[in-house]
Amino acid sequence: METSSLILLFWAVLSFWELGQIWLIQIVVYPLFGKVGAADYVSYHRFYASRIRLPVIAPGFAGFLLPVALAVFGPAVPVWMSAANIAAGIVGLLVTVLLEIPRHGKLERGGKNDIIIDELIRYNWPRTASITAQSVVTFLMLIHVFGAA
């Protein structure tokens, strides 16, 4: 198997991992933030934040940035697939850096705040959509590259 195809397979695993994570976060984890009592909230959020670095944050940022490497070093696919994959990664990165990280910081420093939790959930929808789009495009890439084999 060619290196470019292996890069696509690596990307596919990462993309589908992220797809499962983002939907779990969107429909389970973030809504649970509102169910934690105010007295325990800061310690709860710090526990959460200390545990997500390896399984969530590292793959997440890789998922935002690797589409560029896939476009350069991956197998030949239609340009729109690479462009859509990169654009979705940029959307996810911008939402994370500009909207989500600041709200997590506020929750960790200031404790439970239902308005910020609601914003965290609402503002996460574009990231959920972008990661979902990346997975759909990745599936199409896999069909394009391996479907004829």
C-alpha atoms as a PDB file:
ATOM      1  CA  MET A   1       0.000   0.000   0.000  1.00  0.00           C
ATOM      2  CA  GLU A   2       1.288   3.458  -0.903  1.00  0.00           C
ATOM      3  CA  THR A   3       2.234   5.978   1.774  1.00  0.00           C
ATOM      4  CA  SER A   4      -0.425   8.403   0.542  1.00  0.00           C
ATOM      5  CA  SER A   5      -3.119   5.761   1.079  1.00  0.00           C
ATOM      6  CA  LEU A   6      -1.802   5.046   4.569  1.00  0.00           C
ATOM      7  CA  ILE A   7      -2.033   8.754   5.347  1.00  0.00           C
ATOM      8  CA  LEU A   8      -5.676   8.693   4.270  1.00  0.00           C
ATOM      9  CA  LEU A   9      -6.365   5.639   6.441  1.00  0.00           C
ATOM     10  CA  PHE A  10      -4.708   7.318   9.436  1.00  0.00           C
ATOM     11  CA  TRP A  11      -6.793  10.422   8.786  1.00  0.00           C
ATOM     12  CA  ALA A  12      -9.964   8.317   8.503  1.00  0.00           C
ATOM     13  CA  VAL A  13      -9.357   6.704  11.898  1.00  0.00           C
ATOM     14  CA  LEU A  14      -8.737  10.103  13.468  1.00  0.00           C
ATOM     15  CA  SER A  15     -11.729  11.680  11.747  1.00  0.00           C
ATOM     16  CA  PHE A  16     -14.139   8.939  12.834  1.00  0.00           C
ATOM     17  CA  TRP A  17     -12.704   9.018  16.392  1.00  0.00           C
ATOM     18  CA  GLU A  18     -13.418  12.752  16.476  1.00  0.00           C
ATOM     19  CA  LEU A  19     -16.910  12.211  15.086  1.00  0.00           C
ATOM     20  CA  GLY A  20     -17.826   9.919  17.979  1.00  0.00           C
ATOM     21  CA  GLN A  21     -16.268  12.255  20.506  1.00  0.00           C
ATOM     22  CA  ILE A  22     -17.904  15.453  19.311  1.00  0.00           C
ATOM     23  CA  TRP A  23     -21.391  13.955  19.356  1.00  0.00           C
ATOM     24  CA  LEU A  24     -20.814  12.492  22.827  1.00  0.00           C
ATOM     25  CA  ILE A  25     -19.596  15.882  24.030  1.00  0.00           C
ATOM     26  CA  GLN A  26     -22.480  17.740  22.367  1.00  0.00           C
ATOM     27  CA  ILE A  27     -25.354  15.584  23.565  1.00  0.00           C
ATOM     28  CA  VAL A  28     -24.010  14.147  26.843  1.00  0.00           C
ATOM     29  CA  VAL A  29     -20.916  15.818  28.333  1.00  0.00           C
ATOM     30  CA  TYR A  30     -21.743  19.512  27.909  1.00  0.00           C
ATOM     31  CA  PRO A  31     -25.373  19.107  29.024  1.00  0.00           C
ATOM     32  CA  LEU A  32     -24.071  17.301  32.135  1.00  0.00           C
ATOM     33  CA  PHE A  33     -22.172  20.472  33.048  1.00  0.00           C
ATOM     34  CA  GLY A  34     -25.529  21.956  34.014  1.00  0.00           C
ATOM     35  CA  LYS A  35     -26.363  19.045  36.308  1.00  0.00           C
ATOM     36  CA  VAL A  36     -23.361  19.491  38.601  1.00  0.00           C
ATOM     37  CA  GLY A  37     -24.012  21.426  41.801  1.00  0.00           C
ATOM     38  CA  ALA A  38     -22.512  24.885  42.192  1.00  0.00           C
ATOM     39  CA  ALA A  39     -20.508  23.894  45.287  1.00  0.00           C
ATOM     40  CA  ASP A  40     -18.704  21.113  43.410  1.00  0.00           C
ATOM     41  CA  TYR A  41     -18.490  22.779  40.033  1.00  0.00           C
ATOM     42  CA  VAL A  42     -14.930  24.138  39.957  1.00  0.00           C
ATOM     43  CA  SER A  43     -13.426  20.849  41.143  1.00  0.00           C
ATOM     44  CA  TYR A  44     -15.632  18.948  38.674  1.00  0.00           C
ATOM     45  CA  HIS A  45     -14.528  21.124  35.753  1.00  0.00           C
ATOM     46  CA  ARG A  46     -10.863  20.905  36.752  1.00  0.00           C
ATOM     47  CA  PHE A  47     -11.156  17.110  36.927  1.00  0.00           C
ATOM     48  CA  TYR A  48     -12.784  17.095  33.479  1.00  0.00           C
ATOM     49  CA  ALA A  49     -10.149  19.422  32.006  1.00  0.00           C
ATOM     50  CA  SER A  50      -7.271  17.389  33.432  1.00  0.00           C
ATOM     51  CA  ARG A  51      -8.575  14.181  31.854  1.00  0.00           C
ATOM     52  CA  ILE A  52      -9.386  15.301  28.306  1.00  0.00           C
ATOM     53  CA  ARG A  53      -5.946  16.337  27.063  1.00  0.00           C
ATOM     54  CA  LEU A  54      -4.878  13.034  25.515  1.00  0.00           C
ATOM     55  CA  PRO A  55      -8.183  11.517  24.361  1.00  0.00           C
ATOM     56  CA  VAL A  56      -9.911  14.754  23.248  1.00  0.00           C
ATOM     57  CA  ILE A  57      -7.665  17.802  22.903  1.00  0.00           C
ATOM     58  CA  ALA A  58      -4.691  16.208  21.125  1.00  0.00           C
ATOM     59  CA  PRO A  59      -6.799  14.396  18.491  1.00  0.00           C
ATOM     60  CA  GLY A  60      -9.034  17.461  18.203  1.00  0.00           C
ATOM     61  CA  PHE A  61      -6.261  19.837  17.242  1.00  0.00           C
ATOM     62  CA  ALA A  62      -4.774  17.187  14.955  1.00  0.00           C
ATOM     63  CA  GLY A  63      -8.179  16.936  13.306  1.00  0.00           C
ATOM     64  CA  PHE A  64      -8.205  20.666  12.674  1.00  0.00           C
ATOM     65  CA  LEU A  65      -4.685  20.791  11.216  1.00  0.00           C
ATOM     66  CA  LEU A  66      -4.041  17.470   9.445  1.00  0.00           C
ATOM     67  CA  PRO A  67      -6.385  18.103   6.488  1.00  0.00           C
ATOM     68  CA  VAL A  68      -3.688  20.373   5.052  1.00  0.00           C
ATOM     69  CA  ALA A  69      -1.102  17.561   5.261  1.00  0.00           C
ATOM     70  CA  LEU A  70      -3.630  15.153   3.769  1.00  0.00           C
ATOM     71  CA  ALA A  71      -4.194  17.513   0.837  1.00  0.00           C
ATOM     72  CA  VAL A  72      -0.440  17.745   0.209  1.00  0.00           C
ATOM     73  CA  PHE A  73       0.743  14.211   0.979  1.00  0.00           C
ATOM     74  CA  GLY A  74      -2.411  12.116   0.705  1.00  0.00           C
ATOM     75  CA  PRO A  75      -3.776  10.354  -2.343  1.00  0.00           C
ATOM     76  CA  ALA A  76      -5.250  12.225  -5.278  1.00  0.00           C
ATOM     77  CA  VAL A  77      -8.861  13.150  -4.595  1.00  0.00           C
ATOM     78  CA  PRO A  78     -11.124  15.786  -6.153  1.00  0.00           C
ATOM     79  CA  VAL A  79     -10.068  19.292  -5.112  1.00  0.00           C
ATOM     80  CA  TRP A  80     -13.454  20.021  -3.550  1.00  0.00           C
ATOM     81  CA  MET A  81     -12.920  17.164  -1.062  1.00  0.00           C
ATOM     82  CA  SER A  82      -9.610  18.566   0.143  1.00  0.00           C
ATOM     83  CA  ALA A  83     -10.993  22.111   0.223  1.00  0.00           C
ATOM     84  CA  ALA A  84     -14.087  21.083   2.188  1.00  0.00           C
ATOM     85  CA  ASN A  85     -11.969  19.075   4.623  1.00  0.00           C
ATOM     86  CA  ILE A  86      -9.604  22.003   5.215  1.00  0.00           C
ATOM     87  CA  ALA A  87     -12.463  24.519   5.519  1.00  0.00           C
ATOM     88  CA  ALA A  88     -14.243  22.338   8.075  1.00  0.00           C
ATOM     89  CA  GLY A  89     -10.993  22.048  10.033  1.00  0.00           C
ATOM     90  CA  ILE A  90     -10.635  25.833  10.064  1.00  0.00           C
ATOM     91  CA  VAL A  91     -14.208  26.242  11.316  1.00  0.00           C
ATOM     92  CA  GLY A  92     -13.565  23.732  14.106  1.00  0.00           C
ATOM     93  CA  LEU A  93     -10.315  25.424  15.072  1.00  0.00           C
ATOM     94  CA  LEU A  94     -11.860  28.903  15.143  1.00  0.00           C
ATOM     95  CA  VAL A  95     -14.855  27.770  17.208  1.00  0.00           C
ATOM     96  CA  THR A  96     -12.543  26.007  19.646  1.00  0.00           C
ATOM     97  CA  VAL A  97     -10.086  28.872  20.095  1.00  0.00           C
ATOM     98  CA  LEU A  98     -12.461  31.836  19.912  1.00  0.00           C
ATOM     99  CA  LEU A  99     -15.619  30.482  21.561  1.00  0.00           C
ATOM    100  CA  GLU A 100     -15.139  27.259  23.497  1.00  0.00           C
ATOM    101  CA  ILE A 101     -11.770  27.618  25.254  1.00  0.00           C
ATOM    102  CA  PRO A 102     -12.636  31.041  26.737  1.00  0.00           C
ATOM    103  CA  ARG A 103     -15.896  29.668  28.138  1.00  0.00           C
ATOM    104  CA  HIS A 104     -14.180  26.668  29.672  1.00  0.00           C
ATOM    105  CA  GLY A 105     -11.749  29.086  31.317  1.00  0.00           C
ATOM    106  CA  LYS A 106     -14.605  31.139  32.753  1.00  0.00           C
ATOM    107  CA  LEU A 107     -16.284  28.018  34.129  1.00  0.00           C
ATOM    108  CA  GLU A 108     -13.076  26.753  35.673  1.00  0.00           C
ATOM    109  CA  ARG A 109     -12.274  30.080  37.309  1.00  0.00           C
ATOM    110  CA  GLY A 110     -15.740  31.338  38.173  1.00  0.00           C
ATOM    111  CA  GLY A 111     -17.670  28.170  38.832  1.00  0.00           C
ATOM    112  CA  LYS A 112     -21.073  27.149  37.604  1.00  0.00           C
ATOM    113  CA  ASN A 113     -22.770  29.640  35.330  1.00  0.00           C
ATOM    114  CA  ASP A 114     -25.842  28.431  33.452  1.00  0.00           C
ATOM    115  CA  ILE A 115     -25.576  31.169  30.830  1.00  0.00           C
ATOM    116  CA  ILE A 116     -21.989  30.185  29.975  1.00  0.00           C
ATOM    117  CA  ILE A 117     -22.917  26.482  29.943  1.00  0.00           C
ATOM    118  CA  ASP A 118     -25.770  27.237  27.521  1.00  0.00           C
ATOM    119  CA  GLU A 119     -23.350  29.227  25.335  1.00  0.00           C
ATOM    120  CA  LEU A 120     -20.846  26.362  25.440  1.00  0.00           C
ATOM    121  CA  ILE A 121     -23.514  23.978  24.153  1.00  0.00           C
ATOM    122  CA  ARG A 122     -24.901  26.394  21.555  1.00  0.00           C
ATOM    123  CA  TYR A 123     -21.502  27.503  20.240  1.00  0.00           C
ATOM    124  CA  ASN A 124     -20.345  23.897  19.989  1.00  0.00           C
ATOM    125  CA  TRP A 125     -22.917  23.129  17.261  1.00  0.00           C
ATOM    126  CA  PRO A 126     -20.788  24.642  14.444  1.00  0.00           C
ATOM    127  CA  ARG A 127     -17.826  22.550  15.625  1.00  0.00           C
ATOM    128  CA  THR A 128     -20.051  19.469  15.754  1.00  0.00           C
ATOM    129  CA  ALA A 129     -21.227  20.225  12.213  1.00  0.00           C
ATOM    130  CA  SER A 130     -17.683  20.820  10.952  1.00  0.00           C
ATOM    131  CA  ILE A 131     -16.343  17.557  12.378  1.00  0.00           C
ATOM    132  CA  THR A 132     -19.379  15.714  11.011  1.00  0.00           C
ATOM    133  CA  ALA A 133     -18.705  17.265   7.590  1.00  0.00           C
ATOM    134  CA  GLN A 134     -15.063  16.175   7.780  1.00  0.00           C
ATOM    135  CA  SER A 135     -16.161  12.608   8.462  1.00  0.00           C
ATOM    136  CA  VAL A 136     -18.590  12.613   5.538  1.00  0.00           C
ATOM    137  CA  VAL A 137     -15.905  13.992   3.215  1.00  0.00           C
ATOM    138  CA  THR A 138     -13.425  11.445   4.566  1.00  0.00           C
ATOM    139  CA  PHE A 139     -15.861   8.628   3.843  1.00  0.00           C
ATOM    140  CA  LEU A 140     -16.190   9.943   0.283  1.00  0.00           C
ATOM    141  CA  MET A 141     -12.399  10.099   0.003  1.00  0.00           C
ATOM    142  CA  LEU A 142     -12.162   6.470   1.081  1.00  0.00           C
ATOM    143  CA  ILE A 143     -14.708   5.472  -1.555  1.00  0.00           C
ATOM    144  CA  HIS A 144     -12.858   7.508  -4.190  1.00  0.00           C
ATOM    145  CA  VAL A 145      -9.454   5.994  -3.368  1.00  0.00           C
ATOM    146  CA  PHE A 146     -10.357   2.429  -2.435  1.00  0.00           C
ATOM    147  CA  GLY A 147     -13.746   1.981  -4.100  1.00  0.00           C
ATOM    148  CA  ALA A 148     -12.263   1.074  -7.473  1.00  0.00           C
ATOM    149  CA  ALA A 149      -9.715  -1.304  -5.980  1.00  0.00           C
END
